[in-house]
PDB file of N, CA and C in Angstrom:
ATOM      1  N   UNK A   1       0.841  -1.179   0.000  1.00  0.00           N
ATOM      2  CA  UNK A   1       0.000   0.000   0.000  1.00  0.00           C
ATOM      3  C   UNK A   1       0.883   1.239   0.000  1.00  0.00           C
ATOM      4  N   UNK A   2       0.624   2.089  -0.911  1.00  0.00           N
ATOM      5  CA  UNK A   2       1.477   3.263  -1.027  1.00  0.00           C
ATOM      6  C   UNK A   2       0.705   4.533  -0.687  1.00  0.00           C
ATOM      7  N   UNK A   3       1.486   5.571  -0.462  1.00  0.00           N
ATOM      8  CA  UNK A   3       0.896   6.875  -0.151  1.00  0.00           C
ATOM      9  C   UNK A   3       0.051   7.371  -1.319  1.00  0.00           C
ATOM     10  N   UNK A   4       0.523   7.183  -2.551  1.00  0.00           N
ATOM     11  CA  UNK A   4      -0.235   7.639  -3.728  1.00  0.00           C
ATOM     12  C   UNK A   4      -1.581   6.942  -3.832  1.00  0.00           C
ATOM     13  N   UNK A   5      -1.609   5.649  -3.526  1.00  0.00           N
ATOM     14  CA  UNK A   5      -2.866   4.918  -3.576  1.00  0.00           C
ATOM     15  C   UNK A   5      -3.828   5.452  -2.515  1.00  0.00           C
ATOM     16  N   UNK A   6      -3.308   5.742  -1.328  1.00  0.00           N
ATOM     17  CA  UNK A   6      -4.154   6.297  -0.265  1.00  0.00           C
ATOM     18  C   UNK A   6      -4.741   7.640  -0.678  1.00  0.00           C
ATOM     19  N   UNK A   7      -3.921   8.481  -1.270  1.00  0.00           N
ATOM     20  CA  UNK A   7      -4.389   9.809  -1.703  1.00  0.00           C
ATOM     21  C   UNK A   7      -5.460   9.672  -2.781  1.00  0.00           C
ATOM     22  N   UNK A   8      -5.255   8.747  -3.716  1.00  0.00           N
ATOM     23  CA  UNK A   8      -6.254   8.550  -4.772  1.00  0.00           C
ATOM     24  C   UNK A   8      -7.588   8.071  -4.195  1.00  0.00           C
ATOM     25  N   UNK A   9      -7.530   7.136  -3.253  1.00  0.00           N
ATOM     26  CA  UNK A   9      -8.755   6.655  -2.614  1.00  0.00           C
ATOM     27  C   UNK A   9      -9.463   7.776  -1.862  1.00  0.00           C
ATOM     28  N   UNK A  10      -8.701   8.553  -1.095  1.00  0.00           N
ATOM     29  CA  UNK A  10      -9.309   9.638  -0.320  1.00  0.00           C
ATOM     30  C   UNK A  10      -9.892  10.724  -1.220  1.00  0.00           C
ATOM     31  N   UNK A  11      -9.176  11.060  -2.280  1.00  0.00           N
ATOM     32  CA  UNK A  11      -9.678  12.065  -3.215  1.00  0.00           C
ATOM     33  C   UNK A  11     -10.940  11.582  -3.918  1.00  0.00           C
ATOM     34  N   UNK A  12     -10.947  10.318  -4.329  1.00  0.00           N
ATOM     35  CA  UNK A  12     -12.143   9.758  -4.966  1.00  0.00           C
ATOM     36  C   UNK A  12     -13.337   9.767  -4.008  1.00  0.00           C
ATOM     37  N   UNK A  13     -13.080   9.398  -2.762  1.00  0.00           N
ATOM     38  CA  UNK A  13     -14.156   9.388  -1.771  1.00  0.00           C
ATOM     39  C   UNK A  13     -14.658  10.807  -1.500  1.00  0.00           C
ATOM     40  N   UNK A  14     -13.744  11.781  -1.465  1.00  0.00           N
ATOM     41  CA  UNK A  14     -14.158  13.166  -1.235  1.00  0.00           C
ATOM     42  C   UNK A  14     -15.004  13.681  -2.401  1.00  0.00           C
ATOM     43  N   UNK A  15     -14.598  13.370  -3.624  1.00  0.00           N
ATOM     44  CA  UNK A  15     -15.402  13.782  -4.781  1.00  0.00           C
ATOM     45  C   UNK A  15     -16.762  13.091  -4.784  1.00  0.00           C
ATOM     46  N   UNK A  16     -16.796  11.836  -4.380  1.00  0.00           N
ATOM     47  CA  UNK A  16     -18.077  11.134  -4.254  1.00  0.00           C
ATOM     48  C   UNK A  16     -18.959  11.835  -3.222  1.00  0.00           C
ATOM     49  N   UNK A  17     -18.358  12.242  -2.090  1.00  0.00           N
ATOM     50  CA  UNK A  17     -19.111  12.939  -1.049  1.00  0.00           C
ATOM     51  C   UNK A  17     -19.570  14.325  -1.473  1.00  0.00           C
ATOM     52  N   UNK A  18     -18.835  14.953  -2.379  1.00  0.00           N
ATOM     53  CA  UNK A  18     -19.208  16.292  -2.846  1.00  0.00           C
ATOM     54  C   UNK A  18     -20.243  16.282  -3.972  1.00  0.00           C
ATOM     55  N   UNK A  19     -20.163  15.300  -4.855  1.00  0.00           N
ATOM     56  CA  UNK A  19     -21.000  15.341  -6.048  1.00  0.00           C
ATOM     57  C   UNK A  19     -22.066  14.249  -6.103  1.00  0.00           C
ATOM     58  N   UNK A  20     -21.679  13.011  -5.891  1.00  0.00           N
ATOM     59  CA  UNK A  20     -22.627  11.913  -6.072  1.00  0.00           C
ATOM     60  C   UNK A  20     -23.546  11.720  -4.866  1.00  0.00           C
ATOM     61  N   UNK A  21     -22.989  11.756  -3.678  1.00  0.00           N
ATOM     62  CA  UNK A  21     -23.789  11.500  -2.485  1.00  0.00           C
ATOM     63  C   UNK A  21     -24.916  12.527  -2.287  1.00  0.00           C
ATOM     64  N   UNK A  22     -24.671  13.821  -2.508  1.00  0.00           N
ATOM     65  CA  UNK A  22     -25.802  14.765  -2.398  1.00  0.00           C
ATOM     66  C   UNK A  22     -26.921  14.467  -3.399  1.00  0.00           C
ATOM     67  N   UNK A  23     -26.553  14.010  -4.595  1.00  0.00           N
ATOM     68  CA  UNK A  23     -27.592  13.671  -5.568  1.00  0.00           C
ATOM     69  C   UNK A  23     -28.355  12.422  -5.148  1.00  0.00           C
ATOM     70  N   UNK A  24     -27.659  11.466  -4.537  1.00  0.00           N
ATOM     71  CA  UNK A  24     -28.361  10.302  -3.997  1.00  0.00           C
ATOM     72  C   UNK A  24     -29.309  10.705  -2.879  1.00  0.00           C
ATOM     73  N   UNK A  25     -28.872  11.637  -2.050  1.00  0.00           N
ATOM     74  CA  UNK A  25     -29.741  12.152  -0.985  1.00  0.00           C
ATOM     75  C   UNK A  25     -30.945  12.869  -1.597  1.00  0.00           C
ATOM     76  N   UNK A  26     -30.707  13.631  -2.648  1.00  0.00           N
ATOM     77  CA  UNK A  26     -31.794  14.354  -3.313  1.00  0.00           C
ATOM     78  C   UNK A  26     -32.852  13.383  -3.838  1.00  0.00           C
ATOM     79  N   UNK A  27     -32.407  12.374  -4.595  1.00  0.00           N
ATOM     80  CA  UNK A  27     -33.362  11.443  -5.197  1.00  0.00           C
ATOM     81  C   UNK A  27     -34.054  10.581  -4.147  1.00  0.00           C
ATOM     82  N   UNK A  28     -33.367  10.249  -3.071  1.00  0.00           N
ATOM     83  CA  UNK A  28     -34.006   9.533  -1.975  1.00  0.00           C
ATOM     84  C   UNK A  28     -35.055  10.424  -1.305  1.00  0.00           C
ATOM     85  N   UNK A  29     -34.710  11.691  -1.123  1.00  0.00           N
ATOM     86  CA  UNK A  29     -35.666  12.633  -0.537  1.00  0.00           C
ATOM     87  C   UNK A  29     -36.891  12.833  -1.401  1.00  0.00           C
ATOM     88  N   UNK A  30     -36.703  12.865  -2.712  1.00  0.00           N
ATOM     89  CA  UNK A  30     -37.835  12.994  -3.635  1.00  0.00           C
ATOM     90  C   UNK A  30     -38.763  11.788  -3.502  1.00  0.00           C
ATOM     91  N   UNK A  31     -38.163  10.594  -3.427  1.00  0.00           N
ATOM     92  CA  UNK A  31     -38.967   9.376  -3.344  1.00  0.00           C
ATOM     93  C   UNK A  31     -39.697   9.264  -2.007  1.00  0.00           C
ATOM     94  N   UNK A  32     -39.065   9.714  -0.933  1.00  0.00           N
ATOM     95  CA  UNK A  32     -39.653   9.528   0.399  1.00  0.00           C
ATOM     96  C   UNK A  32     -40.511  10.718   0.824  1.00  0.00           C
ATOM     97  N   UNK A  33     -39.990  11.933   0.604  1.00  0.00           N
ATOM     98  CA  UNK A  33     -40.644  13.127   1.142  1.00  0.00           C
ATOM     99  C   UNK A  33     -41.415  13.951   0.128  1.00  0.00           C
ATOM    100  N   UNK A  34     -41.147  13.745  -1.158  1.00  0.00           N
ATOM    101  CA  UNK A  34     -41.798  14.546  -2.186  1.00  0.00           C
ATOM    102  C   UNK A  34     -40.834  15.556  -2.792  1.00  0.00           C
ATOM    103  N   UNK A  35     -41.341  16.451  -3.615  1.00  0.00           N
ATOM    104  CA  UNK A  35     -40.477  17.385  -4.347  1.00  0.00           C
ATOM    105  C   UNK A  35     -39.695  18.330  -3.429  1.00  0.00           C
ATOM    106  N   UNK A  36     -38.506  18.699  -3.914  1.00  0.00           N
ATOM    107  CA  UNK A  36     -37.655  19.641  -3.197  1.00  0.00           C
ATOM    108  C   UNK A  36     -38.214  21.047  -3.393  1.00  0.00           C
ATOM    109  N   UNK A  37     -38.310  21.809  -2.340  1.00  0.00           N
ATOM    110  CA  UNK A  37     -38.989  23.105  -2.379  1.00  0.00           C
ATOM    111  C   UNK A  37     -38.282  24.135  -3.252  1.00  0.00           C
ATOM    112  N   UNK A  38     -36.963  24.048  -3.367  1.00  0.00           N
ATOM    113  CA  UNK A  38     -36.221  25.081  -4.094  1.00  0.00           C
ATOM    114  C   UNK A  38     -35.929  24.729  -5.543  1.00  0.00           C
ATOM    115  N   UNK A  39     -36.413  23.613  -6.045  1.00  0.00           N
ATOM    116  CA  UNK A  39     -36.180  23.258  -7.446  1.00  0.00           C
ATOM    117  C   UNK A  39     -35.742  21.823  -7.616  1.00  0.00           C
ATOM    118  N   UNK A  40     -34.923  21.605  -8.639  1.00  0.00           N
ATOM    119  CA  UNK A  40     -34.483  20.257  -8.991  1.00  0.00           C
ATOM    120  C   UNK A  40     -33.137  19.886  -8.385  1.00  0.00           C
ATOM    121  N   UNK A  41     -32.485  18.880  -8.977  1.00  0.00           N
ATOM    122  CA  UNK A  41     -31.214  18.405  -8.430  1.00  0.00           C
ATOM    123  C   UNK A  41     -30.101  19.457  -8.496  1.00  0.00           C
ATOM    124  N   UNK A  42     -30.132  20.298  -9.509  1.00  0.00           N
ATOM    125  CA  UNK A  42     -29.132  21.370  -9.607  1.00  0.00           C
ATOM    126  C   UNK A  42     -29.258  22.361  -8.460  1.00  0.00           C
ATOM    127  N   UNK A  43     -30.481  22.700  -8.123  1.00  0.00           N
ATOM    128  CA  UNK A  43     -30.717  23.621  -7.007  1.00  0.00           C
ATOM    129  C   UNK A  43     -30.308  22.979  -5.687  1.00  0.00           C
ATOM    130  N   UNK A  44     -30.593  21.678  -5.546  1.00  0.00           N
ATOM    131  CA  UNK A  44     -30.203  20.983  -4.317  1.00  0.00           C
ATOM    132  C   UNK A  44     -28.683  20.949  -4.186  1.00  0.00           C
ATOM    133  N   UNK A  45     -27.988  20.631  -5.278  1.00  0.00           N
ATOM    134  CA  UNK A  45     -26.523  20.600  -5.250  1.00  0.00           C
ATOM    135  C   UNK A  45     -25.951  21.987  -4.985  1.00  0.00           C
ATOM    136  N   UNK A  46     -26.563  23.003  -5.566  1.00  0.00           N
ATOM    137  CA  UNK A  46     -26.129  24.372  -5.318  1.00  0.00           C
ATOM    138  C   UNK A  46     -26.329  24.761  -3.858  1.00  0.00           C
ATOM    139  N   UNK A  47     -27.466  24.403  -3.291  1.00  0.00           N
ATOM    140  CA  UNK A  47     -27.708  24.678  -1.868  1.00  0.00           C
ATOM    141  C   UNK A  47     -26.725  23.923  -0.986  1.00  0.00           C
ATOM    142  N   UNK A  48     -26.424  22.675  -1.371  1.00  0.00           N
ATOM    143  CA  UNK A  48     -25.461  21.881  -0.613  1.00  0.00           C
ATOM    144  C   UNK A  48     -24.077  22.529  -0.628  1.00  0.00           C
ATOM    145  N   UNK A  49     -23.621  22.953  -1.805  1.00  0.00           N
ATOM    146  CA  UNK A  49     -22.299  23.575  -1.913  1.00  0.00           C
ATOM    147  C   UNK A  49     -22.252  24.918  -1.187  1.00  0.00           C
ATOM    148  N   UNK A  50     -23.352  25.670  -1.224  1.00  0.00           N
ATOM    149  CA  UNK A  50     -23.364  26.936  -0.487  1.00  0.00           C
ATOM    150  C   UNK A  50     -23.374  26.692   1.025  1.00  0.00           C
ATOM    151  N   UNK A  51     -24.016  25.618   1.463  1.00  0.00           N
ATOM    152  CA  UNK A  51     -23.957  25.263   2.888  1.00  0.00           C
ATOM    153  C   UNK A  51     -22.551  24.833   3.289  1.00  0.00           C
ATOM    154  N   UNK A  52     -21.825  24.209   2.377  1.00  0.00           N
ATOM    155  CA  UNK A  52     -20.419  23.894   2.656  1.00  0.00           C
ATOM    156  C   UNK A  52     -19.614  25.183   2.843  1.00  0.00           C
ATOM    157  N   UNK A  53     -19.883  26.162   1.985  1.00  0.00           N
ATOM    158  CA  UNK A  53     -19.175  27.445   2.086  1.00  0.00           C
ATOM    159  C   UNK A  53     -19.529  28.172   3.376  1.00  0.00           C
ATOM    160  N   UNK A  54     -20.746  27.969   3.872  1.00  0.00           N
ATOM    161  CA  UNK A  54     -21.170  28.585   5.134  1.00  0.00           C
ATOM    162  C   UNK A  54     -20.753  27.782   6.360  1.00  0.00           C
ATOM    163  N   UNK A  55     -20.027  26.666   6.109  1.00  0.00           N
ATOM    164  CA  UNK A  55     -19.502  25.802   7.171  1.00  0.00           C
ATOM    165  C   UNK A  55     -20.619  25.171   8.003  1.00  0.00           C
ATOM    166  N   UNK A  56     -21.672  24.756   7.359  1.00  0.00           N
ATOM    167  CA  UNK A  56     -22.753  24.060   8.052  1.00  0.00           C
ATOM    168  C   UNK A  56     -22.321  22.626   8.319  1.00  0.00           C
ATOM    169  N   UNK A  57     -22.479  22.173   9.560  1.00  0.00           N
ATOM    170  CA  UNK A  57     -21.963  20.870   9.964  1.00  0.00           C
ATOM    171  C   UNK A  57     -22.611  19.719   9.216  1.00  0.00           C
ATOM    172  N   UNK A  58     -23.907  19.814   8.917  1.00  0.00           N
ATOM    173  CA  UNK A  58     -24.601  18.700   8.263  1.00  0.00           C
ATOM    174  C   UNK A  58     -24.106  18.499   6.840  1.00  0.00           C
ATOM    175  N   UNK A  59     -23.753  19.586   6.159  1.00  0.00           N
ATOM    176  CA  UNK A  59     -23.199  19.447   4.805  1.00  0.00           C
ATOM    177  C   UNK A  59     -21.793  18.868   4.849  1.00  0.00           C
ATOM    178  N   UNK A  60     -21.008  19.325   5.817  1.00  0.00           N
ATOM    179  CA  UNK A  60     -19.649  18.798   5.933  1.00  0.00           C
ATOM    180  C   UNK A  60     -19.651  17.341   6.365  1.00  0.00           C
ATOM    181  N   UNK A  61     -20.604  16.933   7.183  1.00  0.00           N
ATOM    182  CA  UNK A  61     -20.658  15.519   7.576  1.00  0.00           C
ATOM    183  C   UNK A  61     -21.011  14.647   6.376  1.00  0.00           C
ATOM    184  N   UNK A  62     -21.860  15.148   5.490  1.00  0.00           N
ATOM    185  CA  UNK A  62     -22.181  14.403   4.276  1.00  0.00           C
ATOM    186  C   UNK A  62     -20.970  14.342   3.344  1.00  0.00           C
ATOM    187  N   UNK A  63     -20.251  15.445   3.195  1.00  0.00           N
ATOM    188  CA  UNK A  63     -19.101  15.485   2.287  1.00  0.00           C
ATOM    189  C   UNK A  63     -17.914  14.694   2.824  1.00  0.00           C
ATOM    190  N   UNK A  64     -17.709  14.713   4.138  1.00  0.00           N
ATOM    191  CA  UNK A  64     -16.533  14.056   4.717  1.00  0.00           C
ATOM    192  C   UNK A  64     -16.805  12.636   5.205  1.00  0.00           C
ATOM    193  N   UNK A  65     -18.041  12.184   5.110  1.00  0.00           N
ATOM    194  CA  UNK A  65     -18.357  10.815   5.520  1.00  0.00           C
ATOM    195  C   UNK A  65     -17.619   9.765   4.703  1.00  0.00           C
ATOM    196  N   UNK A  66     -17.688   9.805   3.375  1.00  0.00           N
ATOM    197  CA  UNK A  66     -16.963   8.801   2.583  1.00  0.00           C
ATOM    198  C   UNK A  66     -15.442   8.819   2.790  1.00  0.00           C
ATOM    199  N   UNK A  67     -14.775   9.991   2.828  1.00  0.00           N
ATOM    200  CA  UNK A  67     -13.332   9.945   3.101  1.00  0.00           C
ATOM    201  C   UNK A  67     -13.004   9.395   4.491  1.00  0.00           C
ATOM    202  N   UNK A  68     -13.873   9.656   5.463  1.00  0.00           N
ATOM    203  CA  UNK A  68     -13.638   9.114   6.806  1.00  0.00           C
ATOM    204  C   UNK A  68     -13.727   7.592   6.792  1.00  0.00           C
ATOM    205  N   UNK A  69     -14.695   7.059   6.069  1.00  0.00           N
ATOM    206  CA  UNK A  69     -14.834   5.607   5.958  1.00  0.00           C
ATOM    207  C   UNK A  69     -13.623   5.010   5.245  1.00  0.00           C
ATOM    208  N   UNK A  70     -13.178   5.648   4.166  1.00  0.00           N
ATOM    209  CA  UNK A  70     -12.010   5.159   3.427  1.00  0.00           C
ATOM    210  C   UNK A  70     -10.761   5.228   4.299  1.00  0.00           C
ATOM    211  N   UNK A  71     -10.581   6.311   5.037  1.00  0.00           N
ATOM    212  CA  UNK A  71      -9.402   6.438   5.906  1.00  0.00           C
ATOM    213  C   UNK A  71      -9.404   5.358   6.979  1.00  0.00           C
ATOM    214  N   UNK A  72     -10.566   5.097   7.564  1.00  0.00           N
ATOM    215  CA  UNK A  72     -10.662   4.028   8.570  1.00  0.00           C
ATOM    216  C   UNK A  72     -10.341   2.678   7.943  1.00  0.00           C
ATOM    217  N   UNK A  73     -10.896   2.422   6.757  1.00  0.00           N
ATOM    218  CA  UNK A  73     -10.673   1.148   6.083  1.00  0.00           C
ATOM    219  C   UNK A  73      -9.194   0.955   5.735  1.00  0.00           C
ATOM    220  N   UNK A  74      -8.553   2.003   5.221  1.00  0.00           N
ATOM    221  CA  UNK A  74      -7.132   1.908   4.853  1.00  0.00           C
ATOM    222  C   UNK A  74      -6.275   1.691   6.100  1.00  0.00           C
ATOM    223  N   UNK A  75      -6.590   2.378   7.186  1.00  0.00           N
ATOM    224  CA  UNK A  75      -5.830   2.195   8.426  1.00  0.00           C
ATOM    225  C   UNK A  75      -6.016   0.784   8.968  1.00  0.00           C
ATOM    226  N   UNK A  76      -7.244   0.288   8.932  1.00  0.00           N
ATOM    227  CA  UNK A  76      -7.500  -1.072   9.427  1.00  0.00           C
ATOM    228  C   UNK A  76      -6.780  -2.105   8.577  1.00  0.00           C
ATOM    229  N   UNK A  77      -6.753  -1.917   7.280  1.00  0.00           N
ATOM    230  CA  UNK A  77      -6.067  -2.891   6.432  1.00  0.00           C
ATOM    231  C   UNK A  77      -4.553  -2.814   6.605  1.00  0.00           C
ATOM    232  N   UNK A  78      -4.014  -1.619   6.872  1.00  0.00           N
ATOM    233  CA  UNK A  78      -2.581  -1.516   7.166  1.00  0.00           C
ATOM    234  C   UNK A  78      -2.236  -2.238   8.467  1.00  0.00           C
ATOM    235  N   UNK A  79      -3.069  -2.062   9.484  1.00  0.00           N
ATOM    236  CA  UNK A  79      -2.831  -2.740  10.761  1.00  0.00           C
ATOM    237  C   UNK A  79      -2.940  -4.247  10.577  1.00  0.00           C
ATOM    238  N   UNK A  80      -3.949  -4.687   9.840  1.00  0.00           N
ATOM    239  CA  UNK A  80      -4.133  -6.116   9.610  1.00  0.00           C
ATOM    240  C   UNK A  80      -2.951  -6.718   8.861  1.00  0.00           C
ATOM    241  N   UNK A  81      -2.472  -6.036   7.826  1.00  0.00           N
ATOM    242  CA  UNK A  81      -1.349  -6.580   7.060  1.00  0.00           C
ATOM    243  C   UNK A  81      -0.060  -6.561   7.883  1.00  0.00           C
ATOM    244  N   UNK A  82       0.110  -5.547   8.738  1.00  0.00           N
ATOM    245  CA  UNK A  82       1.294  -5.514   9.601  1.00  0.00           C
ATOM    246  C   UNK A  82       1.260  -6.662  10.600  1.00  0.00           C
ATOM    247  N   UNK A  83       0.104  -6.945  11.149  1.00  0.00           N
ATOM    248  CA  UNK A  83      -0.018  -8.062  12.097  1.00  0.00           C
ATOM    249  C   UNK A  83       0.203  -9.398  11.395  1.00  0.00           C
ATOM    250  N   UNK A  84      -0.286  -9.513  10.172  1.00  0.00           N
ATOM    251  CA  UNK A  84      -0.087 -10.749   9.421  1.00  0.00           C
ATOM    252  C   UNK A  84       1.394 -10.960   9.137  1.00  0.00           C
ATOM    253  N   UNK A  85       2.072  -9.905   8.714  1.00  0.00           N
ATOM    254  CA  UNK A  85       3.516 -10.018   8.462  1.00  0.00           C
ATOM    255  C   UNK A  85       4.262 -10.367   9.732  1.00  0.00           C
ATOM    256  N   UNK A  86       3.873  -9.761  10.854  1.00  0.00           N
ATOM    257  CA  UNK A  86       4.528 -10.043  12.133  1.00  0.00           C
ATOM    258  C   UNK A  86       4.298 -11.488  12.541  1.00  0.00           C
ATOM    259  N   UNK A  87       3.084 -11.974  12.345  1.00  0.00           N
ATOM    260  CA  UNK A  87       2.771 -13.358  12.698  1.00  0.00           C
ATOM    261  C   UNK A  87       3.569 -14.321  11.828  1.00  0.00           C
ATOM    262  N   UNK A  88       3.664 -14.035  10.538  1.00  0.00           N
ATOM    263  CA  UNK A  88       4.433 -14.894   9.644  1.00  0.00           C
ATOM    264  C   UNK A  88       5.917 -14.845   9.991  1.00  0.00           C
ATOM    265  N   UNK A  89       6.400 -13.677  10.363  1.00  0.00           N
ATOM    266  CA  UNK A  89       7.804 -13.527  10.741  1.00  0.00           C
ATOM    267  C   UNK A  89       8.095 -14.325  12.013  1.00  0.00           C
ATOM    268  N   UNK A  90       7.212 -14.264  12.974  1.00  0.00           N
ATOM    269  CA  UNK A  90       7.395 -15.024  14.221  1.00  0.00           C
ATOM    270  C   UNK A  90       7.355 -16.519  13.957  1.00  0.00           C
ATOM    271  N   UNK A  91       6.528 -16.935  13.016  1.00  0.00           N
ATOM    272  CA  UNK A  91       6.439 -18.348  12.690  1.00  0.00           C
ATOM    273  C   UNK A  91       7.743 -18.882  12.130  1.00  0.00           C
ATOM    274  N   UNK A  92       8.464 -18.062  11.386  1.00  0.00           N
ATOM    275  CA  UNK A  92       9.755 -18.475  10.838  1.00  0.00           C
ATOM    276  C   UNK A  92      10.862 -18.384  11.862  1.00  0.00           C
ATOM    277  N   UNK A  93      10.798 -17.401  12.738  1.00  0.00           N
ATOM    278  CA  UNK A  93      11.872 -17.136  13.700  1.00  0.00           C
ATOM    279  C   UNK A  93      11.788 -18.003  14.942  1.00  0.00           C
ATOM    280  N   UNK A  94      10.610 -18.316  15.376  1.00  0.00           N
ATOM    281  CA  UNK A  94      10.448 -19.062  16.613  1.00  0.00           C
ATOM    282  C   UNK A  94       9.253 -18.540  17.375  1.00  0.00           C
ATOM    283  N   UNK A  95       9.206 -18.820  18.633  1.00  0.00           N
ATOM    284  CA  UNK A  95       8.063 -18.397  19.424  1.00  0.00           C
ATOM    285  C   UNK A  95       8.210 -16.947  19.851  1.00  0.00           C
ATOM    286  N   UNK A  96       7.191 -16.443  20.532  1.00  0.00           N
ATOM    287  CA  UNK A  96       7.173 -15.038  20.924  1.00  0.00           C
ATOM    288  C   UNK A  96       8.214 -14.710  21.995  1.00  0.00           C
ATOM    289  N   UNK A  97       8.614 -15.693  22.810  1.00  0.00           N
ATOM    290  CA  UNK A  97       9.562 -15.391  23.881  1.00  0.00           C
ATOM    291  C   UNK A  97      11.008 -15.516  23.433  1.00  0.00           C
ATOM    292  N   UNK A  98      11.244 -15.756  22.159  1.00  0.00           N
ATOM    293  CA  UNK A  98      12.600 -15.787  21.629  1.00  0.00           C
ATOM    294  C   UNK A  98      13.228 -17.169  21.594  1.00  0.00           C
ATOM    295  N   UNK A  99      12.583 -18.153  22.182  1.00  0.00           N
ATOM    296  CA  UNK A  99      13.141 -19.498  22.144  1.00  0.00           C
ATOM    297  C   UNK A  99      12.696 -20.190  20.873  1.00  0.00           C
ATOM    298  N   UNK A 100      13.531 -21.035  20.369  1.00  0.00           N
ATOM    299  CA  UNK A 100      13.186 -21.764  19.148  1.00  0.00           C
ATOM    300  C   UNK A 100      12.477 -23.045  19.525  1.00  0.00           C
ATOM    301  N   UNK A 101      11.543 -23.388  18.724  1.00  0.00           N
ATOM    302  CA  UNK A 101      10.808 -24.621  18.952  1.00  0.00           C
ATOM    303  C   UNK A 101      11.480 -25.729  18.148  1.00  0.00           C
ATOM    304  N   UNK A 102      11.785 -26.822  18.823  1.00  0.00           N
ATOM    305  CA  UNK A 102      12.441 -27.945  18.164  1.00  0.00           C
ATOM    306  C   UNK A 102      11.401 -29.045  17.982  1.00  0.00           C
ATOM    307  N   UNK A 103      11.292 -29.483  16.758  1.00  0.00           N
ATOM    308  CA  UNK A 103      10.341 -30.555  16.501  1.00  0.00           C
ATOM    309  C   UNK A 103      11.116 -31.855  16.360  1.00  0.00           C
ATOM    310  N   UNK A 104      10.706 -32.829  17.136  1.00  0.00           N
ATOM    311  CA  UNK A 104      11.362 -34.132  17.074  1.00  0.00           C
ATOM    312  C   UNK A 104      10.821 -34.968  15.939  1.00  0.00           C
ATOM    313  N   UNK A 105      11.577 -35.951  15.596  1.00  0.00           N
ATOM    314  CA  UNK A 105      11.191 -36.842  14.515  1.00  0.00           C
ATOM    315  C   UNK A 105      10.918 -38.210  15.101  1.00  0.00           C
ATOM    316  N   UNK A 106       9.798 -38.769  14.770  1.00  0.00           N
ATOM    317  CA  UNK A 106       9.433 -40.075  15.298  1.00  0.00           C
ATOM    318  C   UNK A 106       9.538 -41.080  14.170  1.00  0.00           C
ATOM    319  N   UNK A 107      10.381 -42.081  14.362  1.00  0.00           N
ATOM    320  CA  UNK A 107      10.496 -43.144  13.362  1.00  0.00           C
ATOM    321  C   UNK A 107       9.668 -44.328  13.805  1.00  0.00           C
ATOM    322  N   UNK A 108       8.856 -44.815  12.951  1.00  0.00           N
ATOM    323  CA  UNK A 108       8.011 -45.957  13.338  1.00  0.00           C
ATOM    324  C   UNK A 108       8.518 -47.237  12.743  1.00  0.00           C
TER     325      UNK A 108
END
């Protein structure tokens, strides 16, 4: 896992949170609550972006939700892969206390 890959994932998630997710919220709202009072999807996206500029917490939580999920996922996978490598390394080196395990051979 590289830094460039992490940046690409986070940037993609941020763009999804800025452009696609508000439109999904809009269409879900239309289906559940009825028409949007200020117009169509363009007006909803415009209102969303202006709320971002006004630093409204609900807009920022929608925009930053996907990058937060991606950051958590990338961190968890880094921890998991580090633990896997450590476990594999210990398996080759010996036990956790530094002693080597000797396996006997049984001849029948």
